[in-house]
Amino acid sequence: MMNTDARVATIMSTDVIAVTPETSVTELARLMVEHDVSGIPVVDDGILVGLVTEVDVVSREIDVDPPAFGTFLDAIFRLPWDKSDEELRRVLASTAGELMTRDVKTISPDAPIRDAANMMFKQELNPLPVVDDHGRLLGIISRSDIVRLVAEASEIADRSV
């Protein structure tokens, strides 16, 4: 069992790989593989503006049917389309700014680790950026950080028995 008083700041990674909105998707993918990370924050002058995850990169490779257009009385209109514009946006993205999720869930460095674990589990988040009150990126926490903490707590408990 992990320490319920421990704060996110105690386990977050502060040496964060981050990119700008202009970074190419190819470079993003290379950085993810090279640094073995599941997501990369997108920052503009140190302020978090988005997040690109492995899911986002993989989504570029899905099959999407483009929207259909029709004409009626010399007007062009878009036919109903059951695929989301979001899918098309992702497939066509060539930069981090075009691919990133903009409404990023974040956590404070002072939040309990249990809060981060709950957010990550219930909202299927990985990784979770850590920001200050002004949106400045301070660090990042991933599922593997929490798993590592649980494993370390278990080792300490085993040694004390």
C-alpha atoms as a PDB file:
ATOM      1  CA  MET A   1       0.000   0.000   0.000  1.00  0.00           C
ATOM      2  CA  MET A   2       1.421   3.373  -0.961  1.00  0.00           C
ATOM      3  CA  ASN A   3       1.748   6.321   1.394  1.00  0.00           C
ATOM      4  CA  THR A   4      -1.568   8.205   1.268  1.00  0.00           C
ATOM      5  CA  ASP A   5       0.149  11.451   2.332  1.00  0.00           C
ATOM      6  CA  ALA A   6       2.679  11.390  -0.523  1.00  0.00           C
ATOM      7  CA  ARG A   7       2.343  14.163  -3.078  1.00  0.00           C
ATOM      8  CA  VAL A   8       2.646  14.086  -6.862  1.00  0.00           C
ATOM      9  CA  ALA A   9       5.817  16.223  -6.652  1.00  0.00           C
ATOM     10  CA  THR A  10       7.627  13.349  -4.899  1.00  0.00           C
ATOM     11  CA  ILE A  11       7.319  10.956  -7.844  1.00  0.00           C
ATOM     12  CA  MET A  12       6.813  13.145 -10.930  1.00  0.00           C
ATOM     13  CA  SER A  13       9.501  13.249 -13.581  1.00  0.00           C
ATOM     14  CA  THR A  14      10.875  16.747 -13.930  1.00  0.00           C
ATOM     15  CA  ASP A  15      13.178  16.004 -16.864  1.00  0.00           C
ATOM     16  CA  VAL A  16      10.255  16.104 -19.291  1.00  0.00           C
ATOM     17  CA  ILE A  17      10.567  15.650 -23.035  1.00  0.00           C
ATOM     18  CA  ALA A  18       8.346  18.414 -24.445  1.00  0.00           C
ATOM     19  CA  VAL A  19       7.812  19.800 -27.943  1.00  0.00           C
ATOM     20  CA  THR A  20       6.350  22.904 -29.547  1.00  0.00           C
ATOM     21  CA  PRO A  21       3.208  22.984 -31.697  1.00  0.00           C
ATOM     22  CA  GLU A  22       5.424  23.174 -34.805  1.00  0.00           C
ATOM     23  CA  THR A  23       7.192  19.842 -34.113  1.00  0.00           C
ATOM     24  CA  SER A  24       6.501  17.296 -36.846  1.00  0.00           C
ATOM     25  CA  VAL A  25       4.552  14.132 -36.074  1.00  0.00           C
ATOM     26  CA  THR A  26       7.523  12.117 -37.362  1.00  0.00           C
ATOM     27  CA  GLU A  27       9.804  13.806 -34.818  1.00  0.00           C
ATOM     28  CA  LEU A  28       7.195  13.198 -32.084  1.00  0.00           C
ATOM     29  CA  ALA A  29       7.095   9.490 -32.874  1.00  0.00           C
ATOM     30  CA  ARG A  30      10.897   9.318 -32.889  1.00  0.00           C
ATOM     31  CA  LEU A  31      11.076  11.032 -29.475  1.00  0.00           C
ATOM     32  CA  MET A  32       8.461   8.669 -28.017  1.00  0.00           C
ATOM     33  CA  VAL A  33      10.436   5.636 -29.134  1.00  0.00           C
ATOM     34  CA  GLU A  34      13.858   7.052 -28.261  1.00  0.00           C
ATOM     35  CA  HIS A  35      12.805   8.056 -24.725  1.00  0.00           C
ATOM     36  CA  ASP A  36      10.298   5.218 -24.183  1.00  0.00           C
ATOM     37  CA  VAL A  37       7.440   7.563 -23.233  1.00  0.00           C
ATOM     38  CA  SER A  38       3.720   7.164 -23.863  1.00  0.00           C
ATOM     39  CA  GLY A  39       2.993  10.855 -24.305  1.00  0.00           C
ATOM     40  CA  ILE A  40       4.700  14.160 -24.903  1.00  0.00           C
ATOM     41  CA  PRO A  41       3.460  17.535 -23.655  1.00  0.00           C
ATOM     42  CA  VAL A  42       3.213  20.370 -26.167  1.00  0.00           C
ATOM     43  CA  VAL A  43       4.311  23.712 -24.743  1.00  0.00           C
ATOM     44  CA  ASP A  44       4.383  27.282 -25.927  1.00  0.00           C
ATOM     45  CA  ASP A  45       6.860  29.393 -23.955  1.00  0.00           C
ATOM     46  CA  GLY A  46       6.733  26.873 -21.090  1.00  0.00           C
ATOM     47  CA  ILE A  47       2.924  26.878 -20.894  1.00  0.00           C
ATOM     48  CA  LEU A  48       1.170  23.560 -21.541  1.00  0.00           C
ATOM     49  CA  VAL A  49      -1.025  23.885 -24.647  1.00  0.00           C
ATOM     50  CA  GLY A  50      -1.607  20.219 -25.468  1.00  0.00           C
ATOM     51  CA  LEU A  51      -0.549  16.609 -25.194  1.00  0.00           C
ATOM     52  CA  VAL A  52       0.242  14.014 -27.841  1.00  0.00           C
ATOM     53  CA  THR A  53      -0.012  10.364 -26.788  1.00  0.00           C
ATOM     54  CA  GLU A  54       0.713   7.068 -28.496  1.00  0.00           C
ATOM     55  CA  VAL A  55      -3.028   6.785 -29.172  1.00  0.00           C
ATOM     56  CA  ASP A  56      -2.931  10.097 -31.054  1.00  0.00           C
ATOM     57  CA  VAL A  57      -0.010   8.957 -33.204  1.00  0.00           C
ATOM     58  CA  VAL A  58      -1.643   5.588 -33.929  1.00  0.00           C
ATOM     59  CA  SER A  59      -4.920   7.344 -34.829  1.00  0.00           C
ATOM     60  CA  ARG A  60      -3.161   8.904 -37.828  1.00  0.00           C
ATOM     61  CA  GLU A  61      -3.030   5.466 -39.398  1.00  0.00           C
ATOM     62  CA  ILE A  62      -6.749   4.602 -39.224  1.00  0.00           C
ATOM     63  CA  ASP A  63      -9.031   4.453 -42.253  1.00  0.00           C
ATOM     64  CA  VAL A  64     -11.336   7.454 -42.441  1.00  0.00           C
ATOM     65  CA  ASP A  65     -13.919   8.085 -45.114  1.00  0.00           C
ATOM     66  CA  PRO A  66     -13.798  11.734 -46.133  1.00  0.00           C
ATOM     67  CA  PRO A  67     -16.989  13.786 -45.857  1.00  0.00           C
ATOM     68  CA  ALA A  68     -19.255  13.910 -48.888  1.00  0.00           C
ATOM     69  CA  PHE A  69     -20.549  17.107 -50.422  1.00  0.00           C
ATOM     70  CA  GLY A  70     -23.623  17.608 -52.540  1.00  0.00           C
ATOM     71  CA  THR A  71     -25.267  20.409 -54.447  1.00  0.00           C
ATOM     72  CA  PHE A  72     -28.823  21.668 -54.346  1.00  0.00           C
ATOM     73  CA  LEU A  73     -29.992  24.780 -56.170  1.00  0.00           C
ATOM     74  CA  ASP A  74     -26.404  25.847 -56.864  1.00  0.00           C
ATOM     75  CA  ALA A  75     -25.478  25.580 -53.168  1.00  0.00           C
ATOM     76  CA  ILE A  76     -22.780  23.229 -51.918  1.00  0.00           C
ATOM     77  CA  PHE A  77     -23.484  21.502 -48.617  1.00  0.00           C
ATOM     78  CA  ARG A  78     -21.947  18.784 -46.578  1.00  0.00           C
ATOM     79  CA  LEU A  79     -23.866  15.526 -46.424  1.00  0.00           C
ATOM     80  CA  PRO A  80     -24.425  13.948 -43.005  1.00  0.00           C
ATOM     81  CA  TRP A  81     -21.330  12.048 -41.976  1.00  0.00           C
ATOM     82  CA  ASP A  82     -21.113   9.509 -39.184  1.00  0.00           C
ATOM     83  CA  LYS A  83     -17.340   9.869 -38.759  1.00  0.00           C
ATOM     84  CA  SER A  84     -16.148  12.679 -36.551  1.00  0.00           C
ATOM     85  CA  ASP A  85     -14.218  15.664 -37.828  1.00  0.00           C
ATOM     86  CA  GLU A  86     -11.781  14.799 -35.038  1.00  0.00           C
ATOM     87  CA  GLU A  87     -10.764  11.561 -36.808  1.00  0.00           C
ATOM     88  CA  LEU A  88     -10.149  13.393 -40.070  1.00  0.00           C
ATOM     89  CA  ARG A  89      -8.149  16.100 -38.260  1.00  0.00           C
ATOM     90  CA  ARG A  90      -5.896  13.482 -36.701  1.00  0.00           C
ATOM     91  CA  VAL A  91      -5.318  11.550 -39.931  1.00  0.00           C
ATOM     92  CA  LEU A  92      -4.321  14.723 -41.766  1.00  0.00           C
ATOM     93  CA  ALA A  93      -2.138  16.130 -38.958  1.00  0.00           C
ATOM     94  CA  SER A  94       1.506  16.758 -39.733  1.00  0.00           C
ATOM     95  CA  THR A  95       2.509  18.727 -36.613  1.00  0.00           C
ATOM     96  CA  ALA A  96       2.088  18.391 -32.865  1.00  0.00           C
ATOM     97  CA  GLY A  97      -0.229  21.411 -32.864  1.00  0.00           C
ATOM     98  CA  GLU A  98      -2.545  19.738 -35.363  1.00  0.00           C
ATOM     99  CA  LEU A  99      -2.487  16.335 -33.644  1.00  0.00           C
ATOM    100  CA  MET A 100      -2.472  17.239 -29.954  1.00  0.00           C
ATOM    101  CA  THR A 101      -5.341  17.016 -27.539  1.00  0.00           C
ATOM    102  CA  ARG A 102      -5.980  20.573 -26.432  1.00  0.00           C
ATOM    103  CA  ASP A 103      -8.226  20.035 -23.409  1.00  0.00           C
ATOM    104  CA  VAL A 104      -5.528  18.344 -21.342  1.00  0.00           C
ATOM    105  CA  LYS A 105      -6.279  17.026 -17.867  1.00  0.00           C
ATOM    106  CA  THR A 106      -3.550  18.116 -15.470  1.00  0.00           C
ATOM    107  CA  ILE A 107      -2.695  17.843 -11.806  1.00  0.00           C
ATOM    108  CA  SER A 108      -0.964  20.034  -9.237  1.00  0.00           C
ATOM    109  CA  PRO A 109       2.380  18.978  -7.745  1.00  0.00           C
ATOM    110  CA  ASP A 110       0.774  19.327  -4.289  1.00  0.00           C
ATOM    111  CA  ALA A 111      -2.049  16.868  -5.052  1.00  0.00           C
ATOM    112  CA  PRO A 112      -1.984  13.491  -3.308  1.00  0.00           C
ATOM    113  CA  ILE A 113      -0.641  10.645  -5.442  1.00  0.00           C
ATOM    114  CA  ARG A 114      -3.924   8.816  -4.795  1.00  0.00           C
ATOM    115  CA  ASP A 115      -5.753  11.648  -6.655  1.00  0.00           C
ATOM    116  CA  ALA A 116      -3.434  11.209  -9.635  1.00  0.00           C
ATOM    117  CA  ALA A 117      -3.982   7.438  -9.583  1.00  0.00           C
ATOM    118  CA  ASN A 118      -7.757   7.915  -9.480  1.00  0.00           C
ATOM    119  CA  MET A 119      -7.702  10.396 -12.378  1.00  0.00           C
ATOM    120  CA  MET A 120      -5.453   8.201 -14.464  1.00  0.00           C
ATOM    121  CA  PHE A 121      -7.561   5.099 -13.876  1.00  0.00           C
ATOM    122  CA  LYS A 122     -11.060   6.570 -14.149  1.00  0.00           C
ATOM    123  CA  GLN A 123     -10.322   8.857 -17.102  1.00  0.00           C
ATOM    124  CA  GLU A 124      -7.859   6.510 -18.849  1.00  0.00           C
ATOM    125  CA  LEU A 125      -5.057   9.082 -18.788  1.00  0.00           C
ATOM    126  CA  ASN A 126      -1.404   8.317 -19.373  1.00  0.00           C
ATOM    127  CA  PRO A 127       0.670  10.344 -18.888  1.00  0.00           C
ATOM    128  CA  LEU A 128      -0.676  13.145 -16.672  1.00  0.00           C
ATOM    129  CA  PRO A 129       1.078  16.536 -16.922  1.00  0.00           C
ATOM    130  CA  VAL A 130       1.879  18.355 -13.676  1.00  0.00           C
ATOM    131  CA  VAL A 131       1.411  22.127 -13.902  1.00  0.00           C
ATOM    132  CA  ASP A 132       1.477  25.159 -11.622  1.00  0.00           C
ATOM    133  CA  ASP A 133      -1.411  27.596 -11.142  1.00  0.00           C
ATOM    134  CA  HIS A 134      -0.422  29.433 -14.329  1.00  0.00           C
ATOM    135  CA  GLY A 135      -0.360  26.350 -16.575  1.00  0.00           C
ATOM    136  CA  ARG A 136       3.443  26.151 -16.651  1.00  0.00           C
ATOM    137  CA  LEU A 137       4.648  22.569 -17.155  1.00  0.00           C
ATOM    138  CA  LEU A 138       6.555  21.387 -14.060  1.00  0.00           C
ATOM    139  CA  GLY A 139       6.706  17.659 -14.649  1.00  0.00           C
ATOM    140  CA  ILE A 140       4.804  14.586 -15.691  1.00  0.00           C
ATOM    141  CA  ILE A 141       3.517  11.479 -13.963  1.00  0.00           C
ATOM    142  CA  SER A 142       2.809   8.181 -15.672  1.00  0.00           C
ATOM    143  CA  ARG A 143       1.169   4.920 -14.704  1.00  0.00           C
ATOM    144  CA  SER A 144       4.611   3.355 -14.473  1.00  0.00           C
ATOM    145  CA  ASP A 145       5.585   5.925 -11.802  1.00  0.00           C
ATOM    146  CA  ILE A 146       2.673   4.775  -9.645  1.00  0.00           C
ATOM    147  CA  VAL A 147       3.396   1.091 -10.306  1.00  0.00           C
ATOM    148  CA  ARG A 148       7.019   1.713  -9.283  1.00  0.00           C
ATOM    149  CA  LEU A 149       5.835   3.373  -6.064  1.00  0.00           C
ATOM    150  CA  VAL A 150       3.581   0.416  -5.213  1.00  0.00           C
ATOM    151  CA  ALA A 151       6.433  -2.031  -5.893  1.00  0.00           C
ATOM    152  CA  GLU A 152       8.816  -0.038  -3.693  1.00  0.00           C
ATOM    153  CA  ALA A 153       6.249   0.095  -0.861  1.00  0.00           C
ATOM    154  CA  SER A 154       5.829  -3.663  -1.134  1.00  0.00           C
ATOM    155  CA  GLU A 155       9.594  -4.231  -0.948  1.00  0.00           C
ATOM    156  CA  ILE A 156       9.846  -2.048   2.169  1.00  0.00           C
ATOM    157  CA  ALA A 157       6.942  -3.900   3.788  1.00  0.00           C
ATOM    158  CA  ASP A 158       8.555  -7.262   2.984  1.00  0.00           C
ATOM    159  CA  ARG A 159      11.866  -6.196   4.522  1.00  0.00           C
ATOM    160  CA  SER A 160      10.226  -5.019   7.728  1.00  0.00           C
ATOM    161  CA  VAL A 161       8.427  -8.351   8.287  1.00  0.00           C
END
